[in-house]
Amino acid sequence: MTDVDRRIFFRALPRGVWRTRTAHRASRGVGLSVVLVLACLWAGPVPGRCAEAPAVTGIAVRQAGAFVAASPQEAAATGRRHRLAQEGAVIASGPGAAFGVIFEVQGTPAGAPVVIEAGLVPPGDDSVPQRWFVPAVIGEKGQAVASFVYAWEAVPGPWRLTLAEGGRVLAEQTFHVGGPPQAPPVPPLTPPVASTSLSISSTVQTPAQT
């Protein structure tokens, strides 16, 4: 149910994490390189050695709506499997329906790769939301898309898509699957009760004169 941009996946990982030494290197050299990598990752930027650590200040949702599968040519060119087909918060219910957001990561430095955590909260149950990771770049647009594979997954109601970084939820969007939200029923008007007036008449009898 997720869409991942493969082109920037490895860009989103720190360089020292995915670089490995060849097996014939001496163990001492490998240990030293690991220490230097950890120093760069944990000690912050060091002039001439470590790149500036990215700092995400916010996530802005630029567009939201229904997505469709991209053509193989488009997917190869953009690295994304879906494209936005129609903006809006109302999503059709059924297998194959896809919805999500196009977002922009705000922060410094521009062009730094980051990883955004997306969460999907179904209607009426926020205890265990579905989560996946989306590679992104500060100052550039990315997309987080979820889709239904089976009909039973498309539960009608409000679905909430959240975007977080570093444990902070920085943006969210609500989608209404199966139709617009239903307005609460309006209670029928009660006809006014007719007012009744009580008329009291009294008769005073005077004694007869003899």
N, C-alpha and C. Protein backbone atom coordinates (compact mmCIF):
# COMPACT_ATOMS: atom_id res chain seq x y z
N MET A 1 0.81 -1.20 0.00
CA MET A 1 0.00 0.00 0.00
C MET A 1 0.85 1.26 0.00
N THR A 2 2.10 1.17 -0.37
CA THR A 2 2.96 2.35 -0.31
C THR A 2 3.67 2.56 -1.62
N ASP A 3 4.19 3.76 -1.82
CA ASP A 3 4.91 4.12 -3.02
C ASP A 3 6.24 4.73 -2.61
N VAL A 4 7.36 4.15 -3.07
CA VAL A 4 8.69 4.60 -2.67
C VAL A 4 9.46 5.05 -3.89
N ASP A 5 10.07 6.21 -3.80
CA ASP A 5 10.90 6.75 -4.87
C ASP A 5 12.26 6.08 -4.80
N ARG A 6 12.50 5.14 -5.71
CA ARG A 6 13.74 4.36 -5.65
C ARG A 6 14.96 5.17 -6.03
N ARG A 7 14.77 6.23 -6.82
CA ARG A 7 15.93 6.99 -7.29
C ARG A 7 16.69 7.63 -6.16
N ILE A 8 15.98 8.05 -5.13
CA ILE A 8 16.67 8.78 -4.07
C ILE A 8 16.72 7.97 -2.78
N PHE A 9 16.42 6.66 -2.87
CA PHE A 9 16.44 5.86 -1.66
C PHE A 9 17.83 5.83 -1.05
N PHE A 10 18.85 5.53 -1.88
CA PHE A 10 20.19 5.45 -1.34
C PHE A 10 20.76 6.82 -1.04
N ARG A 11 20.22 7.87 -1.69
CA ARG A 11 20.65 9.22 -1.34
C ARG A 11 20.20 9.58 0.06
N ALA A 12 19.11 8.95 0.51
CA ALA A 12 18.59 9.28 1.82
C ALA A 12 19.35 8.61 2.95
N LEU A 13 20.25 7.68 2.64
CA LEU A 13 21.04 7.03 3.67
C LEU A 13 22.37 7.75 3.83
N PRO A 14 22.87 7.91 5.07
CA PRO A 14 24.19 8.51 5.25
C PRO A 14 25.25 7.74 4.50
N ARG A 15 26.17 8.48 3.91
CA ARG A 15 27.15 7.82 3.06
C ARG A 15 27.94 6.75 3.80
N GLY A 16 28.28 7.03 5.04
CA GLY A 16 29.09 6.08 5.78
C GLY A 16 28.37 4.81 6.12
N VAL A 17 27.03 4.79 6.02
CA VAL A 17 26.29 3.60 6.37
C VAL A 17 26.36 2.56 5.28
N TRP A 18 26.22 2.99 4.03
CA TRP A 18 26.15 1.99 2.96
C TRP A 18 27.47 1.75 2.27
N ARG A 19 28.48 2.53 2.57
CA ARG A 19 29.80 2.23 2.04
C ARG A 19 30.45 1.14 2.88
N THR A 20 31.00 0.16 2.26
CA THR A 20 31.68 -0.92 2.98
C THR A 20 33.09 -1.07 2.47
N ARG A 21 33.91 -1.58 3.29
CA ARG A 21 35.30 -1.84 2.92
C ARG A 21 35.41 -3.22 2.30
N THR A 22 36.40 -3.41 1.48
CA THR A 22 36.63 -4.72 0.89
C THR A 22 37.18 -5.67 1.94
N ALA A 23 36.98 -6.97 1.69
CA ALA A 23 37.31 -7.97 2.70
C ALA A 23 38.79 -8.05 3.01
N HIS A 24 39.67 -7.64 2.06
CA HIS A 24 41.09 -7.83 2.28
C HIS A 24 41.71 -6.71 3.10
N ARG A 25 40.91 -5.65 3.50
CA ARG A 25 41.46 -4.58 4.31
C ARG A 25 41.79 -5.10 5.70
N ALA A 26 42.76 -4.52 6.31
CA ALA A 26 43.13 -4.90 7.66
C ALA A 26 42.04 -4.50 8.63
N SER A 27 41.86 -5.29 9.66
CA SER A 27 40.79 -5.02 10.62
C SER A 27 40.99 -3.68 11.32
N ARG A 28 42.23 -3.27 11.51
CA ARG A 28 42.48 -2.00 12.17
C ARG A 28 41.99 -0.84 11.31
N GLY A 29 42.21 -0.91 10.02
CA GLY A 29 41.76 0.15 9.13
C GLY A 29 40.24 0.24 9.07
N VAL A 30 39.60 -0.94 9.09
CA VAL A 30 38.14 -0.95 9.07
C VAL A 30 37.58 -0.34 10.34
N GLY A 31 38.17 -0.71 11.47
CA GLY A 31 37.70 -0.17 12.74
C GLY A 31 37.87 1.33 12.80
N LEU A 32 38.97 1.85 12.27
CA LEU A 32 39.19 3.29 12.27
C LEU A 32 38.17 4.00 11.41
N SER A 33 37.84 3.41 10.25
CA SER A 33 36.86 4.06 9.37
C SER A 33 35.48 4.09 10.01
N VAL A 34 35.13 3.03 10.76
CA VAL A 34 33.84 3.01 11.43
C VAL A 34 33.78 4.08 12.50
N VAL A 35 34.88 4.26 13.24
CA VAL A 35 34.92 5.30 14.27
C VAL A 35 34.74 6.68 13.66
N LEU A 36 35.39 6.93 12.52
CA LEU A 36 35.27 8.22 11.87
C LEU A 36 33.85 8.46 11.37
N VAL A 37 33.24 7.42 10.84
CA VAL A 37 31.87 7.55 10.35
C VAL A 37 30.93 7.88 11.50
N LEU A 38 31.06 7.16 12.61
CA LEU A 38 30.20 7.42 13.76
C LEU A 38 30.44 8.81 14.32
N ALA A 39 31.68 9.27 14.29
CA ALA A 39 31.98 10.62 14.76
C ALA A 39 31.28 11.66 13.90
N CYS A 40 31.26 11.43 12.59
CA CYS A 40 30.59 12.37 11.70
C CYS A 40 29.08 12.36 11.92
N LEU A 41 28.52 11.17 12.19
CA LEU A 41 27.08 11.06 12.33
C LEU A 41 26.58 11.63 13.64
N TRP A 42 27.37 11.47 14.70
CA TRP A 42 26.89 11.85 16.02
C TRP A 42 27.44 13.18 16.52
N ALA A 43 28.60 13.57 16.08
CA ALA A 43 29.21 14.78 16.63
C ALA A 43 28.78 16.03 15.89
N GLY A 44 28.06 15.89 14.77
CA GLY A 44 27.64 17.06 14.03
C GLY A 44 28.62 17.40 12.94
N PRO A 45 28.40 18.51 12.22
CA PRO A 45 29.25 18.88 11.09
C PRO A 45 30.65 19.26 11.53
N VAL A 46 31.62 18.73 10.82
CA VAL A 46 33.02 19.06 11.04
C VAL A 46 33.56 19.64 9.75
N PRO A 47 34.07 20.86 9.75
CA PRO A 47 34.54 21.48 8.50
C PRO A 47 35.55 20.59 7.79
N GLY A 48 35.27 20.37 6.50
CA GLY A 48 36.19 19.60 5.68
C GLY A 48 36.02 18.11 5.79
N ARG A 49 35.22 17.63 6.72
CA ARG A 49 35.10 16.19 6.89
C ARG A 49 33.65 15.72 6.77
N CYS A 50 32.75 16.33 7.51
CA CYS A 50 31.37 15.87 7.55
C CYS A 50 30.45 16.91 6.93
N ALA A 51 29.48 16.45 6.19
CA ALA A 51 28.50 17.36 5.61
C ALA A 51 27.58 17.88 6.72
N GLU A 52 26.96 19.03 6.47
CA GLU A 52 26.05 19.61 7.45
C GLU A 52 24.85 18.69 7.66
N ALA A 53 24.56 18.41 8.91
CA ALA A 53 23.45 17.52 9.23
C ALA A 53 22.13 18.18 8.82
N PRO A 54 21.24 17.47 8.13
CA PRO A 54 19.97 18.07 7.72
C PRO A 54 19.08 18.36 8.92
N ALA A 55 18.38 19.48 8.86
CA ALA A 55 17.43 19.86 9.90
C ALA A 55 16.09 20.15 9.25
N VAL A 56 15.09 19.33 9.52
CA VAL A 56 13.76 19.49 8.94
C VAL A 56 12.93 20.38 9.87
N THR A 57 12.42 21.47 9.33
CA THR A 57 11.61 22.40 10.12
C THR A 57 10.12 22.27 9.85
N GLY A 58 9.74 21.62 8.77
CA GLY A 58 8.32 21.48 8.47
C GLY A 58 8.10 20.69 7.20
N ILE A 59 6.86 20.29 6.99
CA ILE A 59 6.45 19.59 5.77
C ILE A 59 5.16 20.26 5.29
N ALA A 60 5.15 20.72 4.06
CA ALA A 60 3.98 21.38 3.49
C ALA A 60 3.32 20.47 2.46
N VAL A 61 2.02 20.24 2.62
CA VAL A 61 1.26 19.46 1.65
C VAL A 61 0.88 20.38 0.50
N ARG A 62 1.40 20.10 -0.68
CA ARG A 62 1.13 20.93 -1.85
C ARG A 62 -0.11 20.49 -2.61
N GLN A 63 -0.32 19.19 -2.75
CA GLN A 63 -1.49 18.67 -3.45
C GLN A 63 -1.91 17.37 -2.78
N ALA A 64 -3.20 17.06 -2.88
CA ALA A 64 -3.73 15.83 -2.31
C ALA A 64 -4.89 15.36 -3.16
N GLY A 65 -5.04 14.04 -3.28
CA GLY A 65 -6.15 13.53 -4.06
C GLY A 65 -5.95 12.09 -4.47
N ALA A 66 -6.63 11.71 -5.56
CA ALA A 66 -6.58 10.35 -6.09
C ALA A 66 -5.41 10.21 -7.05
N PHE A 67 -4.70 9.09 -6.94
CA PHE A 67 -3.56 8.80 -7.80
C PHE A 67 -3.88 7.59 -8.68
N VAL A 68 -3.18 7.51 -9.80
CA VAL A 68 -3.27 6.34 -10.69
C VAL A 68 -1.85 5.85 -10.96
N ALA A 69 -1.77 4.62 -11.42
CA ALA A 69 -0.46 4.05 -11.72
C ALA A 69 0.17 4.76 -12.90
N ALA A 70 1.45 5.06 -12.78
CA ALA A 70 2.18 5.70 -13.87
C ALA A 70 2.57 4.67 -14.92
N SER A 71 2.74 5.12 -16.14
CA SER A 71 3.19 4.23 -17.21
C SER A 71 4.62 3.81 -16.94
N PRO A 72 5.07 2.70 -17.51
CA PRO A 72 6.46 2.28 -17.30
C PRO A 72 7.47 3.35 -17.71
N GLN A 73 7.19 4.06 -18.80
CA GLN A 73 8.10 5.11 -19.24
C GLN A 73 8.15 6.25 -18.23
N GLU A 74 6.98 6.64 -17.73
CA GLU A 74 6.93 7.72 -16.74
C GLU A 74 7.58 7.30 -15.43
N ALA A 75 7.34 6.07 -15.02
CA ALA A 75 7.94 5.58 -13.79
C ALA A 75 9.46 5.53 -13.90
N ALA A 76 9.96 5.14 -15.07
CA ALA A 76 11.41 5.09 -15.25
C ALA A 76 12.02 6.49 -15.25
N ALA A 77 11.28 7.47 -15.77
CA ALA A 77 11.82 8.83 -15.84
C ALA A 77 11.76 9.55 -14.51
N THR A 78 10.68 9.32 -13.74
CA THR A 78 10.49 10.05 -12.48
C THR A 78 10.86 9.24 -11.25
N GLY A 79 10.92 7.92 -11.39
CA GLY A 79 11.19 7.09 -10.23
C GLY A 79 9.99 6.88 -9.34
N ARG A 80 8.81 7.27 -9.79
CA ARG A 80 7.60 7.14 -9.00
C ARG A 80 6.59 6.27 -9.74
N ARG A 81 5.91 5.43 -8.98
CA ARG A 81 4.97 4.49 -9.58
C ARG A 81 3.57 5.06 -9.75
N HIS A 82 3.29 6.21 -9.16
CA HIS A 82 1.96 6.81 -9.25
C HIS A 82 2.07 8.27 -9.68
N ARG A 83 0.98 8.77 -10.20
CA ARG A 83 0.88 10.20 -10.53
C ARG A 83 -0.50 10.68 -10.10
N LEU A 84 -0.57 11.96 -9.76
CA LEU A 84 -1.83 12.55 -9.30
C LEU A 84 -2.81 12.65 -10.46
N ALA A 85 -4.01 12.09 -10.27
CA ALA A 85 -5.02 12.10 -11.32
C ALA A 85 -6.10 13.14 -11.06
N GLN A 86 -6.47 13.34 -9.81
CA GLN A 86 -7.54 14.28 -9.48
C GLN A 86 -7.35 14.77 -8.05
N GLU A 87 -7.36 16.08 -7.90
CA GLU A 87 -7.25 16.65 -6.56
C GLU A 87 -8.59 16.57 -5.84
N GLY A 88 -8.51 16.41 -4.54
CA GLY A 88 -9.72 16.36 -3.73
C GLY A 88 -9.56 15.38 -2.59
N ALA A 89 -10.45 15.48 -1.63
CA ALA A 89 -10.38 14.63 -0.44
C ALA A 89 -11.31 13.43 -0.51
N VAL A 90 -12.17 13.35 -1.52
CA VAL A 90 -13.11 12.24 -1.65
C VAL A 90 -12.50 11.19 -2.57
N ILE A 91 -12.40 9.95 -2.07
CA ILE A 91 -11.75 8.86 -2.79
C ILE A 91 -12.76 7.74 -3.02
N ALA A 92 -12.74 7.17 -4.23
CA ALA A 92 -13.62 6.05 -4.53
C ALA A 92 -13.21 4.84 -3.70
N SER A 93 -14.20 4.04 -3.33
CA SER A 93 -13.95 2.85 -2.53
C SER A 93 -13.87 1.64 -3.44
N GLY A 94 -12.84 0.81 -3.24
CA GLY A 94 -12.70 -0.39 -4.04
C GLY A 94 -11.26 -0.76 -4.25
N PRO A 95 -10.99 -1.99 -4.69
CA PRO A 95 -9.61 -2.41 -4.94
C PRO A 95 -8.98 -1.60 -6.06
N GLY A 96 -7.72 -1.25 -5.88
CA GLY A 96 -7.01 -0.46 -6.87
C GLY A 96 -7.07 1.03 -6.63
N ALA A 97 -7.95 1.49 -5.75
CA ALA A 97 -8.03 2.92 -5.47
C ALA A 97 -6.77 3.36 -4.74
N ALA A 98 -6.17 4.45 -5.20
CA ALA A 98 -4.94 4.98 -4.61
C ALA A 98 -5.15 6.44 -4.26
N PHE A 99 -4.60 6.86 -3.15
CA PHE A 99 -4.73 8.25 -2.72
C PHE A 99 -3.49 8.63 -1.93
N GLY A 100 -3.23 9.93 -1.89
CA GLY A 100 -2.04 10.38 -1.18
C GLY A 100 -1.81 11.86 -1.36
N VAL A 101 -0.57 12.28 -1.10
CA VAL A 101 -0.23 13.70 -1.13
C VAL A 101 1.09 13.91 -1.85
N ILE A 102 1.22 15.10 -2.41
CA ILE A 102 2.51 15.61 -2.88
C ILE A 102 2.94 16.66 -1.87
N PHE A 103 4.10 16.46 -1.28
CA PHE A 103 4.54 17.32 -0.19
C PHE A 103 5.92 17.90 -0.49
N GLU A 104 6.28 18.91 0.28
CA GLU A 104 7.60 19.54 0.17
C GLU A 104 8.21 19.64 1.56
N VAL A 105 9.43 19.14 1.68
CA VAL A 105 10.13 19.17 2.96
C VAL A 105 10.83 20.52 3.12
N GLN A 106 10.64 21.15 4.25
CA GLN A 106 11.25 22.44 4.55
C GLN A 106 12.35 22.25 5.58
N GLY A 107 13.45 22.96 5.38
CA GLY A 107 14.57 22.86 6.31
C GLY A 107 15.87 23.25 5.66
N THR A 108 16.97 22.86 6.28
CA THR A 108 18.32 23.17 5.79
C THR A 108 19.20 21.94 5.96
N PRO A 109 20.23 21.81 5.12
CA PRO A 109 20.49 22.61 3.92
C PRO A 109 19.63 22.12 2.76
N ALA A 110 19.38 22.99 1.79
CA ALA A 110 18.60 22.59 0.62
C ALA A 110 19.34 21.50 -0.14
N GLY A 111 18.60 20.50 -0.59
CA GLY A 111 19.17 19.40 -1.34
C GLY A 111 19.63 18.24 -0.49
N ALA A 112 19.52 18.36 0.83
CA ALA A 112 19.95 17.27 1.70
C ALA A 112 18.90 16.16 1.70
N PRO A 113 19.31 14.90 1.61
CA PRO A 113 18.35 13.80 1.64
C PRO A 113 17.89 13.51 3.06
N VAL A 114 16.62 13.21 3.20
CA VAL A 114 16.03 12.86 4.48
C VAL A 114 15.05 11.71 4.27
N VAL A 115 14.58 11.14 5.36
CA VAL A 115 13.60 10.06 5.29
C VAL A 115 12.37 10.49 6.08
N ILE A 116 11.22 10.47 5.43
CA ILE A 116 9.96 10.86 6.03
C ILE A 116 9.16 9.60 6.37
N GLU A 117 8.57 9.58 7.55
CA GLU A 117 7.75 8.45 7.97
C GLU A 117 6.27 8.77 7.71
N ALA A 118 5.66 7.98 6.86
CA ALA A 118 4.24 8.15 6.55
C ALA A 118 3.41 7.18 7.38
N GLY A 119 2.25 7.64 7.82
CA GLY A 119 1.35 6.80 8.58
C GLY A 119 -0.07 6.91 8.03
N LEU A 120 -0.80 5.81 8.07
CA LEU A 120 -2.16 5.78 7.55
C LEU A 120 -3.08 5.26 8.65
N VAL A 121 -4.01 6.09 9.09
CA VAL A 121 -4.91 5.76 10.18
C VAL A 121 -6.29 5.46 9.60
N PRO A 122 -6.81 4.23 9.75
CA PRO A 122 -8.13 3.90 9.20
C PRO A 122 -9.24 4.50 10.04
N PRO A 123 -10.46 4.47 9.53
CA PRO A 123 -11.58 5.06 10.27
C PRO A 123 -11.84 4.34 11.59
N GLY A 124 -11.96 5.10 12.64
CA GLY A 124 -12.35 4.55 13.93
C GLY A 124 -11.31 3.74 14.65
N ASP A 125 -10.06 3.68 14.16
CA ASP A 125 -9.04 2.87 14.82
C ASP A 125 -7.68 3.51 14.60
N ASP A 126 -7.20 4.23 15.60
CA ASP A 126 -5.89 4.86 15.50
C ASP A 126 -4.87 4.18 16.39
N SER A 127 -5.16 2.94 16.84
CA SER A 127 -4.25 2.25 17.75
C SER A 127 -2.99 1.77 17.04
N VAL A 128 -3.14 1.17 15.87
CA VAL A 128 -1.98 0.63 15.14
C VAL A 128 -2.05 1.13 13.69
N PRO A 129 -1.60 2.34 13.41
CA PRO A 129 -1.62 2.83 12.03
C PRO A 129 -0.57 2.13 11.18
N GLN A 130 -0.84 2.03 9.90
CA GLN A 130 0.15 1.49 8.97
C GLN A 130 1.24 2.53 8.75
N ARG A 131 2.50 2.10 8.72
CA ARG A 131 3.61 3.03 8.58
C ARG A 131 4.57 2.54 7.50
N TRP A 132 5.17 3.48 6.79
CA TRP A 132 6.22 3.18 5.83
C TRP A 132 7.10 4.41 5.69
N PHE A 133 8.27 4.22 5.09
CA PHE A 133 9.25 5.30 4.98
C PHE A 133 9.36 5.78 3.54
N VAL A 134 9.43 7.11 3.40
CA VAL A 134 9.46 7.75 2.09
C VAL A 134 10.74 8.57 1.99
N PRO A 135 11.67 8.24 1.09
CA PRO A 135 12.85 9.08 0.88
C PRO A 135 12.44 10.43 0.29
N ALA A 136 13.06 11.49 0.75
CA ALA A 136 12.74 12.83 0.27
C ALA A 136 14.00 13.68 0.30
N VAL A 137 13.89 14.89 -0.27
CA VAL A 137 15.00 15.83 -0.34
C VAL A 137 14.50 17.18 0.14
N ILE A 138 15.25 17.84 1.00
CA ILE A 138 14.85 19.15 1.51
C ILE A 138 14.77 20.15 0.36
N GLY A 139 13.64 20.85 0.29
CA GLY A 139 13.42 21.85 -0.75
C GLY A 139 12.83 21.29 -2.02
N GLU A 140 12.63 19.98 -2.11
CA GLU A 140 12.06 19.36 -3.30
C GLU A 140 10.75 18.66 -2.94
N LYS A 141 9.97 18.33 -3.96
CA LYS A 141 8.68 17.69 -3.76
C LYS A 141 8.84 16.17 -3.76
N GLY A 142 8.08 15.54 -2.91
CA GLY A 142 7.99 14.09 -2.86
C GLY A 142 6.53 13.69 -2.77
N GLN A 143 6.28 12.40 -2.76
CA GLN A 143 4.90 11.95 -2.67
C GLN A 143 4.80 10.72 -1.78
N ALA A 144 3.70 10.67 -1.06
CA ALA A 144 3.36 9.51 -0.22
C ALA A 144 1.99 9.02 -0.67
N VAL A 145 1.93 7.78 -1.14
CA VAL A 145 0.71 7.25 -1.74
C VAL A 145 0.38 5.91 -1.10
N ALA A 146 -0.89 5.72 -0.80
CA ALA A 146 -1.40 4.44 -0.32
C ALA A 146 -2.46 3.95 -1.29
N SER A 147 -2.62 2.64 -1.38
CA SER A 147 -3.61 2.08 -2.30
C SER A 147 -4.24 0.84 -1.68
N PHE A 148 -5.46 0.55 -2.12
CA PHE A 148 -6.17 -0.63 -1.66
C PHE A 148 -5.96 -1.77 -2.66
N VAL A 149 -5.57 -2.91 -2.15
CA VAL A 149 -5.39 -4.09 -3.00
C VAL A 149 -6.67 -4.92 -3.04
N TYR A 150 -7.30 -5.06 -1.89
CA TYR A 150 -8.51 -5.88 -1.79
C TYR A 150 -9.71 -4.99 -1.43
N ALA A 151 -10.89 -5.49 -1.78
CA ALA A 151 -12.10 -4.71 -1.53
C ALA A 151 -12.35 -4.51 -0.04
N TRP A 152 -12.02 -5.51 0.77
CA TRP A 152 -12.29 -5.40 2.20
C TRP A 152 -11.40 -4.36 2.87
N GLU A 153 -10.31 -3.96 2.22
CA GLU A 153 -9.45 -2.93 2.80
C GLU A 153 -10.08 -1.54 2.73
N ALA A 154 -10.90 -1.32 1.72
CA ALA A 154 -11.46 0.02 1.48
C ALA A 154 -12.64 0.28 2.40
N VAL A 155 -12.35 0.45 3.66
CA VAL A 155 -13.40 0.72 4.64
C VAL A 155 -13.90 2.15 4.44
N PRO A 156 -15.18 2.34 4.22
CA PRO A 156 -15.70 3.71 4.04
C PRO A 156 -15.50 4.55 5.30
N GLY A 157 -15.22 5.81 5.08
CA GLY A 157 -15.05 6.72 6.20
C GLY A 157 -13.80 7.55 6.07
N PRO A 158 -13.46 8.32 7.10
CA PRO A 158 -12.29 9.20 7.04
C PRO A 158 -10.99 8.43 7.30
N TRP A 159 -10.05 8.54 6.38
CA TRP A 159 -8.71 7.98 6.52
C TRP A 159 -7.74 9.15 6.69
N ARG A 160 -6.84 9.04 7.65
CA ARG A 160 -5.92 10.14 7.95
C ARG A 160 -4.50 9.73 7.58
N LEU A 161 -3.87 10.51 6.71
CA LEU A 161 -2.48 10.28 6.28
C LEU A 161 -1.59 11.29 6.99
N THR A 162 -0.59 10.79 7.73
CA THR A 162 0.31 11.66 8.47
C THR A 162 1.72 11.57 7.91
N LEU A 163 2.47 12.66 8.04
CA LEU A 163 3.87 12.72 7.62
C LEU A 163 4.68 13.19 8.82
N ALA A 164 5.69 12.39 9.19
CA ALA A 164 6.48 12.69 10.38
C ALA A 164 7.96 12.60 10.06
N GLU A 165 8.74 13.29 10.90
CA GLU A 165 10.20 13.23 10.80
C GLU A 165 10.76 13.37 12.20
N GLY A 166 11.64 12.44 12.56
CA GLY A 166 12.20 12.49 13.90
C GLY A 166 11.19 12.32 15.00
N GLY A 167 10.12 11.56 14.73
CA GLY A 167 9.09 11.36 15.73
C GLY A 167 8.08 12.48 15.83
N ARG A 168 8.19 13.50 14.98
CA ARG A 168 7.26 14.63 15.01
C ARG A 168 6.34 14.57 13.81
N VAL A 169 5.04 14.60 14.05
CA VAL A 169 4.07 14.68 12.95
C VAL A 169 4.01 16.13 12.48
N LEU A 170 4.46 16.37 11.26
CA LEU A 170 4.58 17.73 10.73
C LEU A 170 3.49 18.09 9.73
N ALA A 171 2.75 17.10 9.24
CA ALA A 171 1.66 17.38 8.29
C ALA A 171 0.71 16.20 8.30
N GLU A 172 -0.53 16.47 7.97
CA GLU A 172 -1.52 15.40 7.84
C GLU A 172 -2.63 15.83 6.89
N GLN A 173 -3.27 14.83 6.32
CA GLN A 173 -4.35 15.07 5.36
C GLN A 173 -5.42 14.00 5.57
N THR A 174 -6.67 14.41 5.59
CA THR A 174 -7.78 13.48 5.77
C THR A 174 -8.47 13.23 4.43
N PHE A 175 -8.71 11.95 4.13
CA PHE A 175 -9.41 11.55 2.92
C PHE A 175 -10.70 10.83 3.33
N HIS A 176 -11.75 11.05 2.54
CA HIS A 176 -13.04 10.42 2.80
C HIS A 176 -13.27 9.34 1.74
N VAL A 177 -13.07 8.10 2.13
CA VAL A 177 -13.19 6.97 1.22
C VAL A 177 -14.66 6.56 1.12
N GLY A 178 -15.12 6.40 -0.10
CA GLY A 178 -16.49 5.95 -0.32
C GLY A 178 -17.50 7.06 -0.46
N GLY A 179 -17.06 8.31 -0.43
CA GLY A 179 -18.00 9.42 -0.58
C GLY A 179 -17.74 10.51 0.43
N PRO A 180 -18.36 11.66 0.23
CA PRO A 180 -18.17 12.78 1.16
C PRO A 180 -18.70 12.44 2.53
N PRO A 181 -18.20 13.11 3.55
CA PRO A 181 -18.70 12.84 4.90
C PRO A 181 -20.18 13.14 5.02
N GLN A 182 -20.86 12.27 5.72
CA GLN A 182 -22.30 12.44 5.89
C GLN A 182 -22.58 13.44 7.00
N ALA A 183 -23.44 14.38 6.69
CA ALA A 183 -23.83 15.34 7.72
C ALA A 183 -24.73 14.65 8.74
N PRO A 184 -24.62 15.02 9.99
CA PRO A 184 -25.49 14.40 11.00
C PRO A 184 -26.96 14.67 10.68
N PRO A 185 -27.82 13.69 10.92
CA PRO A 185 -29.24 13.89 10.60
C PRO A 185 -29.84 15.03 11.41
N VAL A 186 -30.69 15.76 10.74
CA VAL A 186 -31.36 16.88 11.39
C VAL A 186 -32.63 16.36 12.05
N PRO A 187 -32.78 16.56 13.32
CA PRO A 187 -34.00 16.05 13.97
C PRO A 187 -35.24 16.73 13.41
N PRO A 188 -36.35 15.99 13.30
CA PRO A 188 -37.58 16.59 12.76
C PRO A 188 -38.08 17.72 13.66
N LEU A 189 -38.68 18.68 13.01
CA LEU A 189 -39.21 19.80 13.75
C LEU A 189 -40.46 19.37 14.53
N THR A 190 -40.50 19.76 15.75
CA THR A 190 -41.66 19.44 16.58
C THR A 190 -42.71 20.53 16.41
N PRO A 191 -43.92 20.16 16.01
CA PRO A 191 -44.95 21.21 15.83
C PRO A 191 -45.22 21.91 17.15
N PRO A 192 -45.44 23.19 17.07
CA PRO A 192 -45.70 23.92 18.31
C PRO A 192 -46.97 23.44 18.99
N VAL A 193 -46.90 23.39 20.27
CA VAL A 193 -48.06 22.96 21.05
C VAL A 193 -49.05 24.12 21.16
N ALA A 194 -50.32 23.84 20.78
CA ALA A 194 -51.34 24.89 20.84
C ALA A 194 -51.57 25.30 22.28
N SER A 195 -51.55 26.57 22.48
CA SER A 195 -51.75 27.08 23.83
C SER A 195 -53.23 26.99 24.20
N THR A 196 -53.50 26.62 25.39
CA THR A 196 -54.89 26.54 25.88
C THR A 196 -55.09 27.55 26.99
N SER A 197 -56.22 28.14 26.96
CA SER A 197 -56.56 29.11 28.01
C SER A 197 -57.74 28.58 28.81
N LEU A 198 -57.63 28.72 30.05
CA LEU A 198 -58.69 28.24 30.94
C LEU A 198 -59.60 29.41 31.30
N SER A 199 -60.86 29.27 30.95
CA SER A 199 -61.83 30.33 31.23
C SER A 199 -62.65 29.93 32.45
N ILE A 200 -62.64 30.77 33.41
CA ILE A 200 -63.39 30.50 34.64
C ILE A 200 -64.47 31.57 34.76
N SER A 201 -65.65 31.11 34.88
CA SER A 201 -66.77 32.05 35.06
C SER A 201 -67.40 31.80 36.43
N SER A 202 -67.73 32.82 37.02
CA SER A 202 -68.35 32.69 38.34
C SER A 202 -69.69 33.44 38.33
N THR A 203 -70.62 32.88 38.97
CA THR A 203 -71.95 33.49 39.06
C THR A 203 -72.26 33.79 40.52
N VAL A 204 -72.54 35.00 40.75
CA VAL A 204 -72.87 35.40 42.12
C VAL A 204 -74.38 35.43 42.27
N GLN A 205 -74.86 34.66 43.14
CA GLN A 205 -76.30 34.62 43.38
C GLN A 205 -76.65 35.56 44.53
N THR A 206 -77.62 36.37 44.28
CA THR A 206 -78.09 37.28 45.32
C THR A 206 -79.35 36.71 45.95
N PRO A 207 -79.46 36.84 47.21
CA PRO A 207 -80.67 36.28 47.84
C PRO A 207 -81.94 37.01 47.37
N ALA A 208 -82.96 36.25 47.21
CA ALA A 208 -84.23 36.83 46.74
C ALA A 208 -84.84 37.70 47.83
N GLN A 209 -85.39 38.82 47.41
CA GLN A 209 -86.02 39.74 48.36
C GLN A 209 -87.47 39.29 48.61
N THR A 210 -87.81 39.33 49.81
CA THR A 210 -89.17 38.97 50.17
C THR A 210 -89.97 40.20 50.54
